[in-house]
Amino acid sequence: MEQQHARYWRRVLRLTGVLLGVWFVAGLGAGVLFKEQLDAITIPGTGFPLGFWMAQQGSILVFVLIIWGYARKMRALDRDAGVEEDDQ
């Protein structure tokens, strides 16, 4: 049982680390650090530079997808570990 508990927490921490990395790249990387490189690309039909769009709206979309993915993956991890909560 102790080994299963340790495996569960390793998987949770790995998931959290990966999603924090995605958050960092989307929020700081795309919006600030790589803005000049992304501005060389324009969004078809709008003329907006991609760096501007990522800083203003793209990173928010990525954050929402991170939250959705985290909830979905955690539900599966909880179910596999037998610690899921009732949805009632």
N, C-alpha and C. Protein backbone atom coordinates (compact mmCIF):
# COMPACT_ATOMS: atom_id res chain seq x y z
N MET A 1 0.83 -1.20 0.00
CA MET A 1 0.00 0.00 0.00
C MET A 1 0.87 1.26 0.00
N GLU A 2 1.93 1.24 0.77
CA GLU A 2 2.84 2.39 0.84
C GLU A 2 3.49 2.65 -0.53
N GLN A 3 3.83 1.58 -1.24
CA GLN A 3 4.44 1.72 -2.56
C GLN A 3 3.44 2.32 -3.55
N GLN A 4 2.19 1.92 -3.47
CA GLN A 4 1.15 2.47 -4.35
C GLN A 4 0.93 3.96 -4.05
N HIS A 5 0.97 4.31 -2.77
CA HIS A 5 0.81 5.72 -2.36
C HIS A 5 1.97 6.57 -2.92
N ALA A 6 3.19 6.05 -2.82
CA ALA A 6 4.36 6.78 -3.32
C ALA A 6 4.28 6.93 -4.84
N ARG A 7 3.82 5.89 -5.53
CA ARG A 7 3.69 5.94 -6.99
C ARG A 7 2.66 6.99 -7.40
N TYR A 8 1.56 7.04 -6.68
CA TYR A 8 0.51 8.03 -6.94
C TYR A 8 1.08 9.45 -6.83
N TRP A 9 1.81 9.73 -5.75
CA TRP A 9 2.33 11.08 -5.56
C TRP A 9 3.42 11.44 -6.55
N ARG A 10 4.21 10.43 -6.97
CA ARG A 10 5.20 10.71 -8.02
C ARG A 10 4.50 11.13 -9.31
N ARG A 11 3.42 10.44 -9.65
CA ARG A 11 2.67 10.77 -10.86
C ARG A 11 2.02 12.15 -10.75
N VAL A 12 1.48 12.47 -9.58
CA VAL A 12 0.86 13.79 -9.37
C VAL A 12 1.91 14.89 -9.49
N LEU A 13 3.07 14.70 -8.87
CA LEU A 13 4.12 15.72 -8.94
C LEU A 13 4.68 15.86 -10.35
N ARG A 14 4.80 14.76 -11.08
CA ARG A 14 5.28 14.84 -12.46
C ARG A 14 4.28 15.61 -13.32
N LEU A 15 2.98 15.31 -13.17
CA LEU A 15 1.94 16.03 -13.91
C LEU A 15 1.98 17.52 -13.59
N THR A 16 2.08 17.84 -12.32
CA THR A 16 2.12 19.24 -11.89
C THR A 16 3.34 19.94 -12.47
N GLY A 17 4.49 19.29 -12.45
CA GLY A 17 5.71 19.88 -13.00
C GLY A 17 5.62 20.14 -14.49
N VAL A 18 5.07 19.18 -15.22
CA VAL A 18 4.92 19.35 -16.67
C VAL A 18 3.98 20.51 -16.98
N LEU A 19 2.85 20.57 -16.28
CA LEU A 19 1.89 21.64 -16.55
C LEU A 19 2.43 23.00 -16.12
N LEU A 20 3.22 23.06 -15.06
CA LEU A 20 3.86 24.32 -14.69
C LEU A 20 4.86 24.76 -15.76
N GLY A 21 5.54 23.80 -16.37
CA GLY A 21 6.45 24.12 -17.47
C GLY A 21 5.70 24.68 -18.67
N VAL A 22 4.58 24.08 -19.00
CA VAL A 22 3.75 24.59 -20.10
C VAL A 22 3.26 25.99 -19.76
N TRP A 23 2.83 26.19 -18.53
CA TRP A 23 2.35 27.50 -18.08
C TRP A 23 3.46 28.55 -18.22
N PHE A 24 4.68 28.20 -17.82
CA PHE A 24 5.81 29.13 -17.92
C PHE A 24 6.09 29.49 -19.38
N VAL A 25 6.14 28.48 -20.23
CA VAL A 25 6.45 28.73 -21.64
C VAL A 25 5.35 29.58 -22.29
N ALA A 26 4.08 29.26 -21.99
CA ALA A 26 2.98 30.00 -22.60
C ALA A 26 2.88 31.42 -22.05
N GLY A 27 3.03 31.56 -20.75
CA GLY A 27 2.85 32.87 -20.14
C GLY A 27 4.03 33.79 -20.31
N LEU A 28 5.19 33.36 -19.89
CA LEU A 28 6.37 34.22 -19.96
C LEU A 28 7.09 34.06 -21.29
N GLY A 29 7.22 32.82 -21.74
CA GLY A 29 7.96 32.58 -22.98
C GLY A 29 7.31 33.19 -24.20
N ALA A 30 6.07 32.80 -24.47
CA ALA A 30 5.39 33.27 -25.68
C ALA A 30 5.02 34.74 -25.60
N GLY A 31 4.67 35.21 -24.41
CA GLY A 31 4.23 36.59 -24.27
C GLY A 31 5.34 37.60 -24.11
N VAL A 32 6.51 37.17 -23.60
CA VAL A 32 7.57 38.13 -23.30
C VAL A 32 8.90 37.74 -23.97
N LEU A 33 9.40 36.56 -23.65
CA LEU A 33 10.75 36.19 -24.09
C LEU A 33 10.86 35.98 -25.60
N PHE A 34 9.87 35.35 -26.20
CA PHE A 34 9.93 35.05 -27.63
C PHE A 34 9.01 35.94 -28.45
N LYS A 35 8.64 37.09 -27.90
CA LYS A 35 7.68 37.98 -28.56
C LYS A 35 8.19 38.45 -29.93
N GLU A 36 9.44 38.84 -30.02
CA GLU A 36 9.97 39.34 -31.29
C GLU A 36 9.94 38.27 -32.37
N GLN A 37 10.32 37.05 -32.01
CA GLN A 37 10.31 35.97 -32.99
C GLN A 37 8.87 35.64 -33.42
N LEU A 38 7.94 35.64 -32.46
CA LEU A 38 6.55 35.33 -32.78
C LEU A 38 5.88 36.46 -33.56
N ASP A 39 6.34 37.70 -33.35
CA ASP A 39 5.75 38.83 -34.08
C ASP A 39 6.06 38.76 -35.58
N ALA A 40 7.03 37.96 -35.98
CA ALA A 40 7.33 37.81 -37.41
C ALA A 40 6.22 37.02 -38.11
N ILE A 41 5.38 36.34 -37.32
CA ILE A 41 4.27 35.56 -37.86
C ILE A 41 2.98 36.33 -37.60
N THR A 42 2.14 36.47 -38.62
CA THR A 42 0.85 37.12 -38.41
C THR A 42 -0.27 36.08 -38.47
N ILE A 43 -1.33 36.34 -37.74
CA ILE A 43 -2.48 35.44 -37.72
C ILE A 43 -3.28 35.70 -38.99
N PRO A 44 -3.49 34.66 -39.80
CA PRO A 44 -4.20 34.86 -41.08
C PRO A 44 -5.60 35.46 -40.88
N GLY A 45 -5.93 36.42 -41.71
CA GLY A 45 -7.24 37.04 -41.68
C GLY A 45 -7.36 38.19 -40.70
N THR A 46 -6.39 38.34 -39.79
CA THR A 46 -6.49 39.41 -38.80
C THR A 46 -5.37 40.43 -38.95
N GLY A 47 -4.20 39.97 -39.35
CA GLY A 47 -3.06 40.86 -39.45
C GLY A 47 -2.35 41.08 -38.12
N PHE A 48 -2.88 40.50 -37.05
CA PHE A 48 -2.25 40.65 -35.74
C PHE A 48 -0.98 39.81 -35.66
N PRO A 49 0.08 40.36 -35.09
CA PRO A 49 1.29 39.56 -34.87
C PRO A 49 1.02 38.47 -33.83
N LEU A 50 1.58 37.29 -34.02
CA LEU A 50 1.34 36.16 -33.12
C LEU A 50 1.83 36.44 -31.71
N GLY A 51 2.95 37.16 -31.56
CA GLY A 51 3.46 37.49 -30.22
C GLY A 51 2.48 38.35 -29.44
N PHE A 52 1.89 39.33 -30.10
CA PHE A 52 0.88 40.17 -29.45
C PHE A 52 -0.33 39.34 -29.04
N TRP A 53 -0.80 38.48 -29.94
CA TRP A 53 -1.97 37.66 -29.65
C TRP A 53 -1.71 36.71 -28.50
N MET A 54 -0.52 36.08 -28.47
CA MET A 54 -0.19 35.16 -27.38
C MET A 54 -0.12 35.90 -26.05
N ALA A 55 0.40 37.10 -26.05
CA ALA A 55 0.50 37.86 -24.81
C ALA A 55 -0.88 38.28 -24.32
N GLN A 56 -1.80 38.58 -25.23
CA GLN A 56 -3.09 39.11 -24.84
C GLN A 56 -4.15 38.03 -24.64
N GLN A 57 -4.23 37.07 -25.54
CA GLN A 57 -5.32 36.09 -25.49
C GLN A 57 -4.86 34.66 -25.56
N GLY A 58 -3.81 34.39 -26.27
CA GLY A 58 -3.35 33.02 -26.44
C GLY A 58 -2.94 32.36 -25.14
N SER A 59 -2.26 33.11 -24.28
CA SER A 59 -1.83 32.53 -23.01
C SER A 59 -3.02 32.23 -22.12
N ILE A 60 -4.06 33.04 -22.18
CA ILE A 60 -5.27 32.76 -21.40
C ILE A 60 -5.92 31.47 -21.88
N LEU A 61 -5.97 31.28 -23.18
CA LEU A 61 -6.52 30.05 -23.73
C LEU A 61 -5.70 28.84 -23.28
N VAL A 62 -4.38 28.98 -23.30
CA VAL A 62 -3.51 27.89 -22.83
C VAL A 62 -3.76 27.60 -21.35
N PHE A 63 -3.94 28.63 -20.53
CA PHE A 63 -4.20 28.43 -19.10
C PHE A 63 -5.50 27.66 -18.88
N VAL A 64 -6.53 28.00 -19.64
CA VAL A 64 -7.81 27.28 -19.51
C VAL A 64 -7.64 25.82 -19.91
N LEU A 65 -6.89 25.57 -20.98
CA LEU A 65 -6.62 24.19 -21.39
C LEU A 65 -5.80 23.43 -20.36
N ILE A 66 -4.88 24.11 -19.69
CA ILE A 66 -4.10 23.48 -18.62
C ILE A 66 -5.02 23.06 -17.48
N ILE A 67 -5.93 23.93 -17.08
CA ILE A 67 -6.87 23.60 -16.00
C ILE A 67 -7.74 22.42 -16.39
N TRP A 68 -8.26 22.42 -17.62
CA TRP A 68 -9.09 21.31 -18.09
C TRP A 68 -8.29 20.01 -18.10
N GLY A 69 -7.08 20.05 -18.63
CA GLY A 69 -6.25 18.86 -18.70
C GLY A 69 -5.86 18.35 -17.33
N TYR A 70 -5.56 19.25 -16.40
CA TYR A 70 -5.21 18.85 -15.04
C TYR A 70 -6.39 18.15 -14.37
N ALA A 71 -7.57 18.72 -14.48
CA ALA A 71 -8.74 18.11 -13.85
C ALA A 71 -9.02 16.73 -14.45
N ARG A 72 -8.91 16.62 -15.75
CA ARG A 72 -9.17 15.34 -16.41
C ARG A 72 -8.15 14.28 -16.01
N LYS A 73 -6.88 14.65 -16.03
CA LYS A 73 -5.82 13.69 -15.68
C LYS A 73 -5.86 13.32 -14.20
N MET A 74 -6.15 14.29 -13.33
CA MET A 74 -6.22 14.00 -11.89
C MET A 74 -7.39 13.08 -11.58
N ARG A 75 -8.49 13.24 -12.29
CA ARG A 75 -9.62 12.33 -12.07
C ARG A 75 -9.20 10.90 -12.42
N ALA A 76 -8.47 10.74 -13.51
CA ALA A 76 -8.00 9.40 -13.89
C ALA A 76 -6.98 8.86 -12.89
N LEU A 77 -6.06 9.70 -12.43
CA LEU A 77 -5.08 9.26 -11.44
C LEU A 77 -5.75 8.88 -10.13
N ASP A 78 -6.72 9.67 -9.69
CA ASP A 78 -7.45 9.36 -8.46
C ASP A 78 -8.21 8.05 -8.59
N ARG A 79 -8.83 7.84 -9.73
CA ARG A 79 -9.58 6.61 -9.96
C ARG A 79 -8.64 5.40 -9.92
N ASP A 80 -7.49 5.51 -10.56
CA ASP A 80 -6.52 4.41 -10.57
C ASP A 80 -5.99 4.10 -9.17
N ALA A 81 -5.84 5.13 -8.35
CA ALA A 81 -5.32 4.95 -7.00
C ALA A 81 -6.39 4.61 -5.99
N GLY A 82 -7.66 4.69 -6.40
CA GLY A 82 -8.77 4.37 -5.49
C GLY A 82 -9.07 5.46 -4.49
N VAL A 83 -8.74 6.69 -4.82
CA VAL A 83 -9.00 7.82 -3.91
C VAL A 83 -9.93 8.85 -4.52
N GLU A 84 -10.73 8.42 -5.50
CA GLU A 84 -11.62 9.37 -6.17
C GLU A 84 -12.74 9.82 -5.24
N GLU A 85 -13.22 11.02 -5.50
CA GLU A 85 -14.33 11.58 -4.71
C GLU A 85 -15.63 11.31 -5.44
N ASP A 86 -16.70 11.21 -4.67
CA ASP A 86 -18.03 11.07 -5.28
C ASP A 86 -18.46 12.40 -5.86
N ASP A 87 -19.11 12.37 -7.01
CA ASP A 87 -19.57 13.60 -7.66
C ASP A 87 -20.97 14.00 -7.20
N GLN A 88 -21.42 13.49 -6.10
CA GLN A 88 -22.78 13.78 -5.63
C GLN A 88 -22.82 15.04 -4.82
